[in-house]
Amino acid sequence: MEQDCIFCQIAAKNSPASIVFENENLIVFKDINPHAPVHLLIVPKKHIRSVNDITPEDSAIVSEMIFTGKEMAKQTGVNESGYNLLFNVERGGGQVIFHLHLHMLGGWKR
Protein backbone atom coordinates (compact mmCIF):
# COMPACT_ATOMS: atom_id res chain seq x y z
CA MET A 1 0.00 0.00 0.00
CA GLU A 2 1.21 3.46 -0.92
CA GLN A 3 0.48 5.77 2.02
CA ASP A 4 -0.34 8.81 -0.11
CA CYS A 5 -2.50 6.92 -2.65
CA ILE A 6 -6.23 7.56 -2.19
CA PHE A 7 -7.17 4.27 -3.88
CA CYS A 8 -4.88 2.32 -1.54
CA GLN A 9 -6.52 4.13 1.38
CA ILE A 10 -9.99 3.23 0.08
CA ALA A 11 -8.97 -0.42 -0.39
CA ALA A 12 -7.64 -0.47 3.19
CA LYS A 13 -10.92 1.15 4.39
CA ASN A 14 -9.02 4.19 5.66
CA SER A 15 -10.96 6.55 3.36
CA PRO A 16 -14.68 6.51 2.61
CA ALA A 17 -16.17 5.32 -0.68
CA SER A 18 -19.48 3.99 -1.95
CA ILE A 19 -18.28 0.41 -2.37
CA VAL A 20 -20.45 -1.80 -4.56
CA PHE A 21 -18.22 -4.90 -4.80
CA GLU A 22 -15.11 -6.28 -3.18
CA ASN A 23 -13.12 -9.50 -3.24
CA GLU A 24 -9.57 -10.45 -2.28
CA ASN A 25 -8.07 -8.73 -5.35
CA LEU A 26 -10.36 -5.85 -6.28
CA ILE A 27 -12.56 -3.14 -4.90
CA VAL A 28 -15.28 -1.42 -6.94
CA PHE A 29 -16.82 1.89 -5.95
CA LYS A 30 -18.81 4.77 -7.39
CA ASP A 31 -16.79 7.60 -8.92
CA ILE A 32 -17.22 10.78 -6.85
CA ASN A 33 -17.23 12.87 -10.05
CA PRO A 34 -19.32 10.72 -12.40
CA HIS A 35 -19.19 11.27 -16.14
CA ALA A 36 -22.18 8.99 -16.80
CA PRO A 37 -25.36 7.94 -15.01
CA VAL A 38 -23.44 4.82 -13.95
CA HIS A 39 -19.73 5.41 -13.31
CA LEU A 40 -17.82 2.83 -11.31
CA LEU A 41 -14.10 2.45 -10.69
CA ILE A 42 -12.64 -1.06 -10.67
CA VAL A 43 -9.44 -0.94 -8.66
CA PRO A 44 -6.90 -3.64 -7.81
CA LYS A 45 -5.96 -3.73 -4.14
CA LYS A 46 -2.35 -4.18 -5.21
CA HIS A 47 -0.80 -0.81 -5.97
CA ILE A 48 0.09 -0.67 -9.66
CA ARG A 49 0.83 2.88 -10.77
CA SER A 50 -0.58 2.75 -14.33
CA VAL A 51 -1.05 0.55 -17.38
CA ASN A 52 2.57 1.39 -18.20
CA ASP A 53 3.62 -0.39 -15.00
CA ILE A 54 1.73 -3.66 -15.58
CA THR A 55 3.98 -6.70 -15.64
CA PRO A 56 3.28 -10.19 -17.01
CA GLU A 57 2.59 -11.24 -13.40
CA ASP A 58 -0.31 -8.75 -13.34
CA SER A 59 -2.12 -10.30 -16.31
CA ALA A 60 -4.57 -12.24 -14.12
CA ILE A 61 -5.61 -9.14 -12.20
CA VAL A 62 -6.08 -7.09 -15.38
CA SER A 63 -8.25 -9.86 -16.80
CA GLU A 64 -10.21 -9.99 -13.55
CA MET A 65 -10.76 -6.22 -13.76
CA ILE A 66 -12.29 -6.57 -17.23
CA PHE A 67 -14.52 -9.49 -16.25
CA THR A 68 -15.59 -7.57 -13.14
CA GLY A 69 -16.46 -4.59 -15.34
CA LYS A 70 -18.66 -6.86 -17.43
CA GLU A 71 -20.38 -8.19 -14.30
CA MET A 72 -20.86 -4.70 -12.85
CA ALA A 73 -22.50 -3.63 -16.13
CA LYS A 74 -24.91 -6.54 -15.79
CA GLN A 75 -25.62 -5.80 -12.11
CA THR A 76 -26.27 -2.11 -12.80
CA GLY A 77 -28.50 -2.91 -15.78
CA VAL A 78 -26.42 -1.27 -18.50
CA ASN A 79 -25.08 -4.42 -20.14
CA GLU A 80 -27.70 -4.47 -22.88
CA SER A 81 -28.00 -0.72 -23.51
CA GLY A 82 -24.23 -0.36 -23.69
CA TYR A 83 -21.28 0.76 -21.61
CA ASN A 84 -17.61 1.74 -21.82
CA LEU A 85 -14.63 0.17 -20.10
CA LEU A 86 -11.81 2.69 -20.04
CA PHE A 87 -8.22 2.87 -18.81
CA ASN A 88 -6.73 6.37 -18.74
CA VAL A 89 -2.95 6.11 -19.05
CA GLU A 90 -0.64 8.80 -17.70
CA ARG A 91 -1.47 12.47 -17.34
CA GLY A 92 -1.69 13.12 -21.09
CA GLY A 93 -4.19 10.26 -21.38
CA GLY A 94 -6.39 11.65 -18.62
CA GLN A 95 -5.06 9.67 -15.65
CA VAL A 96 -5.43 11.75 -12.48
CA ILE A 97 -5.01 9.12 -9.74
CA PHE A 98 -1.82 7.16 -10.24
CA HIS A 99 -3.14 3.78 -9.17
CA LEU A 100 -4.35 1.49 -11.95
CA HIS A 101 -8.15 1.61 -12.33
CA LEU A 102 -10.75 0.74 -14.91
CA HIS A 103 -13.74 3.02 -15.45
CA MET A 104 -17.09 1.37 -16.17
CA LEU A 105 -19.46 3.98 -17.61
CA GLY A 106 -22.99 3.54 -18.89
CA GLY A 107 -26.64 4.37 -18.49
CA TRP A 108 -26.95 7.03 -21.17
CA LYS A 109 -30.32 7.37 -22.90
CA ARG A 110 -29.60 7.35 -26.63
C-alpha atoms as a PDB file:
ATOM      1  CA  MET A   1       0.000   0.000   0.000  1.00  0.00           C
ATOM      2  CA  GLU A   2       1.208   3.457  -0.916  1.00  0.00           C
ATOM      3  CA  GLN A   3       0.482   5.771   2.025  1.00  0.00           C
ATOM      4  CA  ASP A   4      -0.344   8.806  -0.113  1.00  0.00           C
ATOM      5  CA  CYS A   5      -2.499   6.919  -2.652  1.00  0.00           C
ATOM      6  CA  ILE A   6      -6.225   7.564  -2.189  1.00  0.00           C
ATOM      7  CA  PHE A   7      -7.173   4.275  -3.876  1.00  0.00           C
ATOM      8  CA  CYS A   8      -4.876   2.322  -1.537  1.00  0.00           C
ATOM      9  CA  GLN A   9      -6.521   4.133   1.383  1.00  0.00           C
ATOM     10  CA  ILE A  10      -9.993   3.226   0.082  1.00  0.00           C
ATOM     11  CA  ALA A  11      -8.966  -0.421  -0.392  1.00  0.00           C
ATOM     12  CA  ALA A  12      -7.641  -0.469   3.192  1.00  0.00           C
ATOM     13  CA  LYS A  13     -10.915   1.145   4.393  1.00  0.00           C
ATOM     14  CA  ASN A  14      -9.024   4.188   5.664  1.00  0.00           C
ATOM     15  CA  SER A  15     -10.957   6.551   3.359  1.00  0.00           C
ATOM     16  CA  PRO A  16     -14.683   6.507   2.613  1.00  0.00           C
ATOM     17  CA  ALA A  17     -16.167   5.325  -0.676  1.00  0.00           C
ATOM     18  CA  SER A  18     -19.479   3.991  -1.950  1.00  0.00           C
ATOM     19  CA  ILE A  19     -18.276   0.406  -2.366  1.00  0.00           C
ATOM     20  CA  VAL A  20     -20.449  -1.802  -4.565  1.00  0.00           C
ATOM     21  CA  PHE A  21     -18.220  -4.900  -4.798  1.00  0.00           C
ATOM     22  CA  GLU A  22     -15.110  -6.279  -3.181  1.00  0.00           C
ATOM     23  CA  ASN A  23     -13.121  -9.497  -3.240  1.00  0.00           C
ATOM     24  CA  GLU A  24      -9.571 -10.449  -2.277  1.00  0.00           C
ATOM     25  CA  ASN A  25      -8.065  -8.730  -5.346  1.00  0.00           C
ATOM     26  CA  LEU A  26     -10.362  -5.852  -6.285  1.00  0.00           C
ATOM     27  CA  ILE A  27     -12.555  -3.136  -4.897  1.00  0.00           C
ATOM     28  CA  VAL A  28     -15.283  -1.424  -6.944  1.00  0.00           C
ATOM     29  CA  PHE A  29     -16.818   1.886  -5.948  1.00  0.00           C
ATOM     30  CA  LYS A  30     -18.808   4.773  -7.392  1.00  0.00           C
ATOM     31  CA  ASP A  31     -16.789   7.598  -8.916  1.00  0.00           C
ATOM     32  CA  ILE A  32     -17.217  10.779  -6.849  1.00  0.00           C
ATOM     33  CA  ASN A  33     -17.229  12.871 -10.053  1.00  0.00           C
ATOM     34  CA  PRO A  34     -19.323  10.725 -12.397  1.00  0.00           C
ATOM     35  CA  HIS A  35     -19.188  11.273 -16.144  1.00  0.00           C
ATOM     36  CA  ALA A  36     -22.178   8.994 -16.802  1.00  0.00           C
ATOM     37  CA  PRO A  37     -25.355   7.939 -15.005  1.00  0.00           C
ATOM     38  CA  VAL A  38     -23.439   4.819 -13.946  1.00  0.00           C
ATOM     39  CA  HIS A  39     -19.732   5.408 -13.308  1.00  0.00           C
ATOM     40  CA  LEU A  40     -17.819   2.828 -11.307  1.00  0.00           C
ATOM     41  CA  LEU A  41     -14.095   2.445 -10.685  1.00  0.00           C
ATOM     42  CA  ILE A  42     -12.643  -1.064 -10.672  1.00  0.00           C
ATOM     43  CA  VAL A  43      -9.435  -0.937  -8.665  1.00  0.00           C
ATOM     44  CA  PRO A  44      -6.900  -3.641  -7.808  1.00  0.00           C
ATOM     45  CA  LYS A  45      -5.964  -3.735  -4.138  1.00  0.00           C
ATOM     46  CA  LYS A  46      -2.345  -4.185  -5.212  1.00  0.00           C
ATOM     47  CA  HIS A  47      -0.801  -0.808  -5.969  1.00  0.00           C
ATOM     48  CA  ILE A  48       0.091  -0.674  -9.657  1.00  0.00           C
ATOM     49  CA  ARG A  49       0.829   2.879 -10.772  1.00  0.00           C
ATOM     50  CA  SER A  50      -0.581   2.752 -14.330  1.00  0.00           C
ATOM     51  CA  VAL A  51      -1.055   0.548 -17.382  1.00  0.00           C
ATOM     52  CA  ASN A  52       2.569   1.389 -18.204  1.00  0.00           C
ATOM     53  CA  ASP A  53       3.619  -0.387 -14.997  1.00  0.00           C
ATOM     54  CA  ILE A  54       1.730  -3.658 -15.581  1.00  0.00           C
ATOM     55  CA  THR A  55       3.984  -6.704 -15.635  1.00  0.00           C
ATOM     56  CA  PRO A  56       3.280 -10.188 -17.008  1.00  0.00           C
ATOM     57  CA  GLU A  57       2.594 -11.245 -13.403  1.00  0.00           C
ATOM     58  CA  ASP A  58      -0.309  -8.749 -13.344  1.00  0.00           C
ATOM     59  CA  SER A  59      -2.119 -10.296 -16.314  1.00  0.00           C
ATOM     60  CA  ALA A  60      -4.570 -12.236 -14.119  1.00  0.00           C
ATOM     61  CA  ILE A  61      -5.614  -9.140 -12.195  1.00  0.00           C
ATOM     62  CA  VAL A  62      -6.077  -7.090 -15.381  1.00  0.00           C
ATOM     63  CA  SER A  63      -8.248  -9.859 -16.799  1.00  0.00           C
ATOM     64  CA  GLU A  64     -10.214  -9.986 -13.546  1.00  0.00           C
ATOM     65  CA  MET A  65     -10.765  -6.224 -13.763  1.00  0.00           C
ATOM     66  CA  ILE A  66     -12.290  -6.571 -17.233  1.00  0.00           C
ATOM     67  CA  PHE A  67     -14.520  -9.487 -16.247  1.00  0.00           C
ATOM     68  CA  THR A  68     -15.594  -7.572 -13.140  1.00  0.00           C
ATOM     69  CA  GLY A  69     -16.463  -4.586 -15.341  1.00  0.00           C
ATOM     70  CA  LYS A  70     -18.656  -6.857 -17.432  1.00  0.00           C
ATOM     71  CA  GLU A  71     -20.376  -8.189 -14.304  1.00  0.00           C
ATOM     72  CA  MET A  72     -20.861  -4.698 -12.851  1.00  0.00           C
ATOM     73  CA  ALA A  73     -22.503  -3.634 -16.133  1.00  0.00           C
ATOM     74  CA  LYS A  74     -24.910  -6.543 -15.788  1.00  0.00           C
ATOM     75  CA  GLN A  75     -25.616  -5.802 -12.115  1.00  0.00           C
ATOM     76  CA  THR A  76     -26.275  -2.112 -12.805  1.00  0.00           C
ATOM     77  CA  GLY A  77     -28.503  -2.908 -15.784  1.00  0.00           C
ATOM     78  CA  VAL A  78     -26.421  -1.268 -18.499  1.00  0.00           C
ATOM     79  CA  ASN A  79     -25.081  -4.417 -20.137  1.00  0.00           C
ATOM     80  CA  GLU A  80     -27.700  -4.467 -22.878  1.00  0.00           C
ATOM     81  CA  SER A  81     -28.002  -0.723 -23.510  1.00  0.00           C
ATOM     82  CA  GLY A  82     -24.226  -0.357 -23.693  1.00  0.00           C
ATOM     83  CA  TYR A  83     -21.278   0.757 -21.610  1.00  0.00           C
ATOM     84  CA  ASN A  84     -17.611   1.741 -21.820  1.00  0.00           C
ATOM     85  CA  LEU A  85     -14.628   0.168 -20.103  1.00  0.00           C
ATOM     86  CA  LEU A  86     -11.807   2.693 -20.041  1.00  0.00           C
ATOM     87  CA  PHE A  87      -8.224   2.869 -18.806  1.00  0.00           C
ATOM     88  CA  ASN A  88      -6.728   6.374 -18.744  1.00  0.00           C
ATOM     89  CA  VAL A  89      -2.948   6.109 -19.049  1.00  0.00           C
ATOM     90  CA  GLU A  90      -0.636   8.800 -17.697  1.00  0.00           C
ATOM     91  CA  ARG A  91      -1.465  12.473 -17.337  1.00  0.00           C
ATOM     92  CA  GLY A  92      -1.692  13.121 -21.087  1.00  0.00           C
ATOM     93  CA  GLY A  93      -4.190  10.263 -21.380  1.00  0.00           C
ATOM     94  CA  GLY A  94      -6.390  11.647 -18.618  1.00  0.00           C
ATOM     95  CA  GLN A  95      -5.060   9.671 -15.653  1.00  0.00           C
ATOM     96  CA  VAL A  96      -5.431  11.750 -12.482  1.00  0.00           C
ATOM     97  CA  ILE A  97      -5.014   9.123  -9.744  1.00  0.00           C
ATOM     98  CA  PHE A  98      -1.818   7.163 -10.236  1.00  0.00           C
ATOM     99  CA  HIS A  99      -3.143   3.777  -9.173  1.00  0.00           C
ATOM    100  CA  LEU A 100      -4.355   1.486 -11.948  1.00  0.00           C
ATOM    101  CA  HIS A 101      -8.147   1.611 -12.329  1.00  0.00           C
ATOM    102  CA  LEU A 102     -10.754   0.741 -14.915  1.00  0.00           C
ATOM    103  CA  HIS A 103     -13.737   3.018 -15.453  1.00  0.00           C
ATOM    104  CA  MET A 104     -17.093   1.367 -16.171  1.00  0.00           C
ATOM    105  CA  LEU A 105     -19.460   3.982 -17.612  1.00  0.00           C
ATOM    106  CA  GLY A 106     -22.994   3.538 -18.891  1.00  0.00           C
ATOM    107  CA  GLY A 107     -26.641   4.374 -18.495  1.00  0.00           C
ATOM    108  CA  TRP A 108     -26.952   7.027 -21.172  1.00  0.00           C
ATOM    109  CA  LYS A 109     -30.324   7.373 -22.901  1.00  0.00           C
ATOM    110  CA  ARG A 110     -29.603   7.350 -26.627  1.00  0.00           C
END
